[in-house]
Amino acid sequence: MSAVNIIIAIGVIVFAYLIGSLNFAVIFSKVFTGKDIRQVGSGNAGATNMLRMAGKLPAGLTFLCDALKGFVACFAGKTVFEYLFAAPEGAQVLFTPIYGAYICCIAVMVGHIFPIFFGFKGGKAVACSVGTFAVCCPIAIILGLTGFIICFIISRIVSLSSLLATVIVVGVSVADALIATNTAYSPWPVVIMALLAGFIVFIKHTENLKRLAKGEEKKLSLKKEG
């Protein structure tokens, strides 16, 4: 493994962080309302607060772009690692493409939460993680979105639905890594990074968890507030 390969690998991780720092909730809130979404409503720079404060179109664009940046970051990580650390079939490898995808998953989520372009104050990385796991473990995100939809239809609470979806996505990703038949790489880095991604989402929802425990979490209305 050459120094050049290591530098390129670090470069794609930095790229993932930087693309994560493009906080589309802040961008679109200023475009559509002239306000900073972090200064209104719940103060969260995410699609749900955008829906409440700015309406369906800005919220939809926010979710789509946040998910897309997660997808692009992880796809770039997977592609670059595949190119840099290719090995003969059946050989043991130090870095495998899925490692690159998961490392960039963490990097883009950190960028979304602590965006360098917006004073290190961003969102909760839920929509962003949808795009990341579409690359890291597609079946997990399909099941997670299904769980989200069912929970939201029943509860109308976005945070609860997001947390349930996170548990499903992380659980399926971990299970998929552990039961995979490919023995060319260790599953444990994937397990650790998937758990870390879930931990990040839960930490960012600390206040929501407190409100859920008290029965005080707001249900989502599809109508713009104010």
Foldseek 3Di string as FASTA:
>chain_A
DDPVLVVVLVVLLVVLLQLLLPLLLQVLCCVQPVDGLLVDDPSASALQSCLQAPNDPSSVVRLVSLLVSLQVSLVSQLVSQCVSFPDPPPAATPDHSLLRLLSSNVSSQQSQCQPPVPNGHHHLCLSNNLNSCCVNPVVLSVVLVVQLVVVCVVPLFNLVSSLSSLCSSLVVQLVCLVPPPDPNYHSVSSNVSSVVSSVSNVVRCVVVVVCVVVVNGDGGDSHHHD
